[in-house]
Amino acid sequence: MDLLADNGVPIAAIIFGVLVLVALAILGIAALRLWRVVKGVQRQIMRAGGALANEAAVLSESLARQPERRAELEEALAALQQRVALLQALASHASDAAAILRSPLRYVGR
């Protein structure tokens, strides 16, 4: 007992030092885990950022082609309108021709 009473301050310093080392070890382990988690999240963010950059590049390329595509669509629409007009004219003439061909049938009774 005299040993503890005579050397109280050094023993308390040693116990305090051991407690500080244990706390530092726990803190180091927690810091290592945190670092690993942060590193994994950074990798996920980098992958997502790369995918987002690729999508942005595709969208900007699509927007750059928009005027060309619009002109192409307008040309196709004009060609389609011409075909519709031609088909309407053909349908009108075909209906007139069918009416003329059926006109004698009125006299026969059919």
N, C-alpha and C. Protein backbone atom coordinates (compact mmCIF):
# COMPACT_ATOMS: atom_id res chain seq x y z
N MET A 1 0.79 -1.18 0.00
CA MET A 1 0.00 0.00 0.00
C MET A 1 0.85 1.26 0.00
N ASP A 2 1.97 1.15 0.64
CA ASP A 2 2.85 2.31 0.67
C ASP A 2 3.34 2.67 -0.74
N LEU A 3 3.42 1.66 -1.60
CA LEU A 3 3.87 1.91 -2.97
C LEU A 3 2.88 2.83 -3.69
N LEU A 4 1.60 2.58 -3.52
CA LEU A 4 0.59 3.41 -4.16
C LEU A 4 0.55 4.81 -3.54
N ALA A 5 0.70 4.88 -2.26
CA ALA A 5 0.64 6.18 -1.58
C ALA A 5 1.88 7.01 -1.91
N ASP A 6 3.00 6.35 -2.02
CA ASP A 6 4.23 7.09 -2.28
C ASP A 6 4.35 7.50 -3.76
N ASN A 7 3.81 6.69 -4.67
CA ASN A 7 3.96 6.95 -6.10
C ASN A 7 2.59 7.19 -6.78
N GLY A 8 1.73 7.92 -6.17
CA GLY A 8 0.38 8.14 -6.67
C GLY A 8 0.35 8.94 -7.98
N VAL A 9 1.14 9.98 -8.03
CA VAL A 9 1.14 10.82 -9.24
C VAL A 9 1.71 10.07 -10.43
N PRO A 10 2.84 9.38 -10.33
CA PRO A 10 3.34 8.64 -11.50
C PRO A 10 2.39 7.52 -11.92
N ILE A 11 1.79 6.82 -10.95
CA ILE A 11 0.86 5.75 -11.30
C ILE A 11 -0.37 6.33 -12.01
N ALA A 12 -0.88 7.45 -11.53
CA ALA A 12 -2.03 8.10 -12.17
C ALA A 12 -1.65 8.55 -13.58
N ALA A 13 -0.41 9.04 -13.74
CA ALA A 13 0.04 9.46 -15.07
C ALA A 13 0.12 8.26 -16.01
N ILE A 14 0.61 7.13 -15.49
CA ILE A 14 0.71 5.92 -16.32
C ILE A 14 -0.69 5.43 -16.71
N ILE A 15 -1.62 5.39 -15.74
CA ILE A 15 -3.00 4.96 -16.03
C ILE A 15 -3.64 5.92 -17.03
N PHE A 16 -3.42 7.21 -16.82
CA PHE A 16 -3.97 8.20 -17.75
C PHE A 16 -3.36 8.01 -19.15
N GLY A 17 -2.08 7.75 -19.23
CA GLY A 17 -1.41 7.51 -20.51
C GLY A 17 -1.97 6.28 -21.22
N VAL A 18 -2.20 5.20 -20.46
CA VAL A 18 -2.77 3.98 -21.04
C VAL A 18 -4.18 4.27 -21.57
N LEU A 19 -4.97 5.01 -20.78
CA LEU A 19 -6.33 5.35 -21.22
C LEU A 19 -6.29 6.22 -22.48
N VAL A 20 -5.36 7.14 -22.53
CA VAL A 20 -5.22 7.99 -23.72
C VAL A 20 -4.81 7.15 -24.92
N LEU A 21 -3.89 6.20 -24.74
CA LEU A 21 -3.48 5.33 -25.85
C LEU A 21 -4.63 4.46 -26.34
N VAL A 22 -5.43 3.94 -25.40
CA VAL A 22 -6.61 3.14 -25.78
C VAL A 22 -7.60 4.01 -26.55
N ALA A 23 -7.84 5.21 -26.07
CA ALA A 23 -8.75 6.13 -26.75
C ALA A 23 -8.23 6.48 -28.14
N LEU A 24 -6.90 6.70 -28.26
CA LEU A 24 -6.31 7.00 -29.56
C LEU A 24 -6.43 5.81 -30.52
N ALA A 25 -6.28 4.59 -29.98
CA ALA A 25 -6.42 3.39 -30.82
C ALA A 25 -7.86 3.28 -31.32
N ILE A 26 -8.83 3.50 -30.45
CA ILE A 26 -10.25 3.46 -30.85
C ILE A 26 -10.53 4.55 -31.88
N LEU A 27 -10.00 5.74 -31.64
CA LEU A 27 -10.17 6.84 -32.58
C LEU A 27 -9.53 6.52 -33.92
N GLY A 28 -8.37 5.89 -33.90
CA GLY A 28 -7.69 5.50 -35.15
C GLY A 28 -8.50 4.48 -35.94
N ILE A 29 -9.06 3.51 -35.25
CA ILE A 29 -9.89 2.49 -35.92
C ILE A 29 -11.13 3.15 -36.53
N ALA A 30 -11.77 4.04 -35.77
CA ALA A 30 -12.95 4.74 -36.28
C ALA A 30 -12.57 5.61 -37.48
N ALA A 31 -11.42 6.27 -37.41
CA ALA A 31 -10.97 7.11 -38.51
C ALA A 31 -10.68 6.27 -39.75
N LEU A 32 -10.10 5.08 -39.56
CA LEU A 32 -9.83 4.19 -40.69
C LEU A 32 -11.14 3.73 -41.35
N ARG A 33 -12.12 3.36 -40.53
CA ARG A 33 -13.42 2.98 -41.08
C ARG A 33 -14.06 4.14 -41.84
N LEU A 34 -14.00 5.32 -41.26
CA LEU A 34 -14.56 6.51 -41.90
C LEU A 34 -13.85 6.79 -43.22
N TRP A 35 -12.55 6.64 -43.25
CA TRP A 35 -11.77 6.88 -44.46
C TRP A 35 -12.18 5.89 -45.55
N ARG A 36 -12.37 4.61 -45.18
CA ARG A 36 -12.79 3.60 -46.16
C ARG A 36 -14.18 3.92 -46.71
N VAL A 37 -15.09 4.34 -45.84
CA VAL A 37 -16.44 4.68 -46.29
C VAL A 37 -16.39 5.88 -47.22
N VAL A 38 -15.63 6.89 -46.85
CA VAL A 38 -15.51 8.09 -47.68
C VAL A 38 -14.89 7.73 -49.03
N LYS A 39 -13.91 6.87 -49.03
CA LYS A 39 -13.26 6.46 -50.26
C LYS A 39 -14.25 5.73 -51.17
N GLY A 40 -15.07 4.83 -50.60
CA GLY A 40 -16.09 4.12 -51.38
C GLY A 40 -17.13 5.06 -51.94
N VAL A 41 -17.55 6.02 -51.14
CA VAL A 41 -18.54 6.99 -51.60
C VAL A 41 -17.95 7.86 -52.71
N GLN A 42 -16.69 8.22 -52.58
CA GLN A 42 -16.03 9.00 -53.63
C GLN A 42 -16.01 8.22 -54.94
N ARG A 43 -15.74 6.91 -54.88
CA ARG A 43 -15.74 6.10 -56.09
C ARG A 43 -17.13 6.07 -56.73
N GLN A 44 -18.16 5.91 -55.90
CA GLN A 44 -19.53 5.90 -56.41
C GLN A 44 -19.88 7.24 -57.05
N ILE A 45 -19.47 8.32 -56.40
CA ILE A 45 -19.74 9.65 -56.94
C ILE A 45 -19.01 9.86 -58.25
N MET A 46 -17.78 9.38 -58.34
CA MET A 46 -17.02 9.53 -59.58
C MET A 46 -17.68 8.75 -60.71
N ARG A 47 -18.16 7.52 -60.41
CA ARG A 47 -18.85 6.74 -61.44
C ARG A 47 -20.13 7.43 -61.87
N ALA A 48 -20.90 7.90 -60.91
CA ALA A 48 -22.15 8.60 -61.23
C ALA A 48 -21.86 9.89 -62.00
N GLY A 49 -20.79 10.59 -61.60
CA GLY A 49 -20.41 11.81 -62.32
C GLY A 49 -19.98 11.52 -63.74
N GLY A 50 -19.27 10.42 -63.94
CA GLY A 50 -18.88 10.03 -65.30
C GLY A 50 -20.09 9.69 -66.16
N ALA A 51 -21.03 8.96 -65.56
CA ALA A 51 -22.25 8.63 -66.30
C ALA A 51 -23.03 9.89 -66.63
N LEU A 52 -23.09 10.81 -65.69
CA LEU A 52 -23.80 12.07 -65.91
C LEU A 52 -23.10 12.90 -66.98
N ALA A 53 -21.78 12.89 -66.98
CA ALA A 53 -21.03 13.62 -68.01
C ALA A 53 -21.27 13.01 -69.39
N ASN A 54 -21.33 11.68 -69.46
CA ASN A 54 -21.62 11.02 -70.74
C ASN A 54 -23.02 11.37 -71.22
N GLU A 55 -23.97 11.36 -70.31
CA GLU A 55 -25.34 11.72 -70.69
C GLU A 55 -25.43 13.17 -71.14
N ALA A 56 -24.70 14.05 -70.46
CA ALA A 56 -24.69 15.45 -70.86
C ALA A 56 -24.06 15.61 -72.24
N ALA A 57 -23.03 14.84 -72.54
CA ALA A 57 -22.40 14.89 -73.86
C ALA A 57 -23.38 14.42 -74.94
N VAL A 58 -24.12 13.35 -74.64
CA VAL A 58 -25.10 12.85 -75.60
C VAL A 58 -26.19 13.90 -75.83
N LEU A 59 -26.65 14.51 -74.74
CA LEU A 59 -27.69 15.53 -74.87
C LEU A 59 -27.21 16.75 -75.63
N SER A 60 -25.99 17.18 -75.36
CA SER A 60 -25.48 18.35 -76.08
C SER A 60 -25.28 18.03 -77.56
N GLU A 61 -24.86 16.81 -77.86
CA GLU A 61 -24.72 16.40 -79.25
C GLU A 61 -26.10 16.36 -79.93
N SER A 62 -27.08 15.87 -79.19
CA SER A 62 -28.45 15.83 -79.73
C SER A 62 -28.98 17.23 -79.98
N LEU A 63 -28.70 18.13 -79.05
CA LEU A 63 -29.13 19.52 -79.23
C LEU A 63 -28.40 20.19 -80.39
N ALA A 64 -27.15 19.82 -80.58
CA ALA A 64 -26.39 20.39 -81.70
C ALA A 64 -26.95 19.91 -83.04
N ARG A 65 -27.49 18.68 -83.07
CA ARG A 65 -28.05 18.15 -84.30
C ARG A 65 -29.49 18.59 -84.51
N GLN A 66 -30.06 19.26 -83.53
CA GLN A 66 -31.48 19.64 -83.60
C GLN A 66 -31.81 20.45 -84.86
N PRO A 67 -31.06 21.48 -85.24
CA PRO A 67 -31.40 22.22 -86.46
C PRO A 67 -31.34 21.34 -87.71
N GLU A 68 -30.34 20.47 -87.78
CA GLU A 68 -30.23 19.57 -88.92
C GLU A 68 -31.43 18.62 -88.96
N ARG A 69 -31.76 18.11 -87.82
CA ARG A 69 -32.87 17.17 -87.71
C ARG A 69 -34.19 17.86 -88.04
N ARG A 70 -34.33 19.10 -87.62
CA ARG A 70 -35.56 19.85 -87.89
C ARG A 70 -35.73 20.06 -89.39
N ALA A 71 -34.64 20.43 -90.06
CA ALA A 71 -34.71 20.61 -91.52
C ALA A 71 -35.05 19.29 -92.20
N GLU A 72 -34.46 18.22 -91.74
CA GLU A 72 -34.74 16.90 -92.30
C GLU A 72 -36.21 16.52 -92.10
N LEU A 73 -36.73 16.79 -90.90
CA LEU A 73 -38.13 16.48 -90.63
C LEU A 73 -39.07 17.36 -91.46
N GLU A 74 -38.71 18.62 -91.65
CA GLU A 74 -39.54 19.50 -92.47
C GLU A 74 -39.56 19.04 -93.93
N GLU A 75 -38.42 18.57 -94.42
CA GLU A 75 -38.37 18.04 -95.78
C GLU A 75 -39.24 16.79 -95.91
N ALA A 76 -39.16 15.92 -94.93
CA ALA A 76 -39.97 14.70 -94.96
C ALA A 76 -41.45 15.05 -94.87
N LEU A 77 -41.79 16.03 -94.05
CA LEU A 77 -43.18 16.46 -93.93
C LEU A 77 -43.69 17.05 -95.25
N ALA A 78 -42.87 17.86 -95.91
CA ALA A 78 -43.27 18.44 -97.20
C ALA A 78 -43.47 17.34 -98.23
N ALA A 79 -42.59 16.35 -98.27
CA ALA A 79 -42.73 15.24 -99.21
C ALA A 79 -44.00 14.45 -98.91
N LEU A 80 -44.29 14.25 -97.63
CA LEU A 80 -45.49 13.53 -97.24
C LEU A 80 -46.75 14.31 -97.63
N GLN A 81 -46.72 15.62 -97.47
CA GLN A 81 -47.86 16.45 -97.87
C GLN A 81 -48.08 16.38 -99.38
N GLN A 82 -47.00 16.35 -100.15
CA GLN A 82 -47.14 16.22 -101.61
C GLN A 82 -47.76 14.88 -101.98
N ARG A 83 -47.33 13.82 -101.29
CA ARG A 83 -47.88 12.50 -101.57
C ARG A 83 -49.37 12.44 -101.22
N VAL A 84 -49.73 13.07 -100.09
CA VAL A 84 -51.14 13.10 -99.68
C VAL A 84 -51.97 13.84 -100.73
N ALA A 85 -51.48 14.96 -101.20
CA ALA A 85 -52.20 15.73 -102.23
C ALA A 85 -52.35 14.90 -103.50
N LEU A 86 -51.29 14.20 -103.89
CA LEU A 86 -51.35 13.36 -105.08
C LEU A 86 -52.35 12.23 -104.90
N LEU A 87 -52.33 11.59 -103.72
CA LEU A 87 -53.28 10.51 -103.46
C LEU A 87 -54.72 11.02 -103.42
N GLN A 88 -54.91 12.22 -102.90
CA GLN A 88 -56.26 12.79 -102.89
C GLN A 88 -56.75 13.03 -104.32
N ALA A 89 -55.88 13.55 -105.15
CA ALA A 89 -56.25 13.79 -106.55
C ALA A 89 -56.55 12.46 -107.24
N LEU A 90 -55.71 11.45 -107.04
CA LEU A 90 -55.94 10.14 -107.64
C LEU A 90 -57.24 9.52 -107.15
N ALA A 91 -57.51 9.67 -105.84
CA ALA A 91 -58.75 9.12 -105.27
C ALA A 91 -59.96 9.82 -105.87
N SER A 92 -59.88 11.12 -106.05
CA SER A 92 -60.98 11.87 -106.65
C SER A 92 -61.23 11.43 -108.08
N HIS A 93 -60.17 11.29 -108.87
CA HIS A 93 -60.31 10.86 -110.26
C HIS A 93 -60.80 9.42 -110.34
N ALA A 94 -60.31 8.57 -109.42
CA ALA A 94 -60.75 7.17 -109.43
C ALA A 94 -62.23 7.08 -109.07
N SER A 95 -62.69 7.90 -108.14
CA SER A 95 -64.11 7.88 -107.79
C SER A 95 -64.96 8.41 -108.94
N ASP A 96 -64.47 9.42 -109.66
CA ASP A 96 -65.19 9.91 -110.85
C ASP A 96 -65.25 8.83 -111.93
N ALA A 97 -64.13 8.14 -112.13
CA ALA A 97 -64.08 7.08 -113.14
C ALA A 97 -65.01 5.94 -112.76
N ALA A 98 -65.05 5.59 -111.49
CA ALA A 98 -65.94 4.51 -111.05
C ALA A 98 -67.40 4.92 -111.22
N ALA A 99 -67.71 6.18 -110.97
CA ALA A 99 -69.08 6.66 -111.17
C ALA A 99 -69.47 6.61 -112.63
N ILE A 100 -68.54 6.97 -113.52
CA ILE A 100 -68.82 6.93 -114.96
C ILE A 100 -69.00 5.48 -115.42
N LEU A 101 -68.17 4.59 -114.90
CA LEU A 101 -68.29 3.19 -115.30
C LEU A 101 -69.58 2.56 -114.76
N ARG A 102 -70.10 3.03 -113.66
CA ARG A 102 -71.33 2.49 -113.07
C ARG A 102 -72.58 3.13 -113.67
N SER A 103 -72.43 4.23 -114.34
CA SER A 103 -73.61 4.93 -114.86
C SER A 103 -74.48 4.07 -115.78
N PRO A 104 -73.95 3.21 -116.65
CA PRO A 104 -74.84 2.38 -117.46
C PRO A 104 -75.63 1.37 -116.63
N LEU A 105 -75.11 1.02 -115.47
CA LEU A 105 -75.82 0.06 -114.63
C LEU A 105 -77.14 0.64 -114.11
N ARG A 106 -77.25 1.94 -114.07
CA ARG A 106 -78.51 2.55 -113.62
C ARG A 106 -79.64 2.24 -114.60
N TYR A 107 -79.25 2.18 -115.85
CA TYR A 107 -80.28 1.93 -116.87
C TYR A 107 -80.70 0.46 -116.89
N VAL A 108 -79.82 -0.41 -116.46
CA VAL A 108 -80.13 -1.83 -116.44
C VAL A 108 -80.94 -2.17 -115.19
N GLY A 109 -80.81 -1.40 -114.15
CA GLY A 109 -81.56 -1.65 -112.93
C GLY A 109 -80.73 -2.17 -111.78
N ARG A 110 -79.50 -2.12 -111.88
CA ARG A 110 -78.64 -2.62 -110.78
C ARG A 110 -78.13 -1.50 -109.96
